[in-house]
Amino acid sequence: MADITLTSVGKTFSGTPAVQDISTRFEDGEFIALLGPSGCGKTTLLRLLAGFEVPSQGTIRIGDRDIANGDTGKMIPPENRNMGFVFQSYALWPHMTVRRNVSYPLEIRGFSKAEIASQTDAALTATGLGTYAERMPSELSGGQRQRVALARCLVSDPDAVLLDEPLANLDVALRASMQTVFTDFHKRTCATMVYVTHDQAEAMAMADRIAVMDNGRIQQFDTPQNLYERPKNRFVAEFVGLGTVVPMRGVEKNETSAHGHVLGRRIAINSTHECPSHVCLRPENLTISETGDLRAKVARVTYLGGKYLLETVSECGTRLLAETRAKFEVGVQLGLTITTPWAFYED
């Protein structure tokens, strides 16, 4: 396994940038998620790592080895990068058994029969497929086929495992169980994994760190907790989790506390910036109380299982989300108290 380092990496298609000036490092053994909306550049970045695309500029390194340099034209082909790739579509050979699907990459690379048998058995065991080794892909469920694709990827002991929305074709229940398969596998093998998804719940559940992308750039690269609790900008605050971003003025800070004016009320805030301009109001920052900071009307009620999500509209027209175990009817007027939201600066 090895670190992956990207320095000023960019990729342009027909004059349009898909990835722009990405400089970052994926540590050896980390589970990294690339998260963002469609067209944000996450799949292009994964394909650059795999060697399916050539960077227009910048360099990519695995450990101490340059694998791509857009400035000099150096490009190590995918088959020589020692990276595994798991596709959304599984891409299994239908005429081969599970064992043969997994062992085939070793066969074409000229490994001995003993090496093939040993490494194939290890990959099947790691993915819980030992009892399915002689079955055909058509005899497997979607989750089992995805595990075959993962085992085939792992059999060559790759430096990194790249996964392109591997759970997108599975139903909700199966996706949840496969998340456990991926995280358990990562704990057992300590493989460096880079996982592309547009599903934030999926990324938050599995990744050590998440790179949130938009317009070909990494907007914030951080732990799931920090992305939710301390977003860097409006895009991250609105894309990750539920909440509303509202402007703030009149910030006052001292050594022990900070306050600002939000929706016409002076409230305590939490921030590391000297002069934050906006706050992110998460549902947990809003408490329903008769003596609340502001009044709001319930516009929509959604049952979440054991609690309700209330979409409310304040007197000034701002949409605010609150959670409660008590059910409220649409149209009811509520008092809301704002409790220490996260504040950030944005032009």
Foldseek 3Di string as FASTA:
>chain_A
DFKKWWAQWWADDPNATQAGGDTDIQGQLFAEEEAEDPSQNQVVVLCCLQQVDATCATWMDTHPRTAHGNVVGHHHHNVPQLEFEQEQVLPFDQVDFLLCSQLVVVVVVPDDPVLSVVLSCVLCVLQVNPVRRGPGPVPDDLLVSSSSSVSSRPSSPGQEYEYEPNCPPDDPVSLVVVLVSVQSSSVVPSHHYYYYDHDLVSCLSHGQWYQYGGSNYRQDIGHLVCLAQPNADDVSLVSHADWDKFWWDDWDDDPPWIWTATPNDIATADEPDPGFTIFTQHQVQKDWDQPAPFKWFFADWDDDDQKIWTFTATPVGDTGIHIGNDDDDGGDMTGIHGHHTYTYHDD
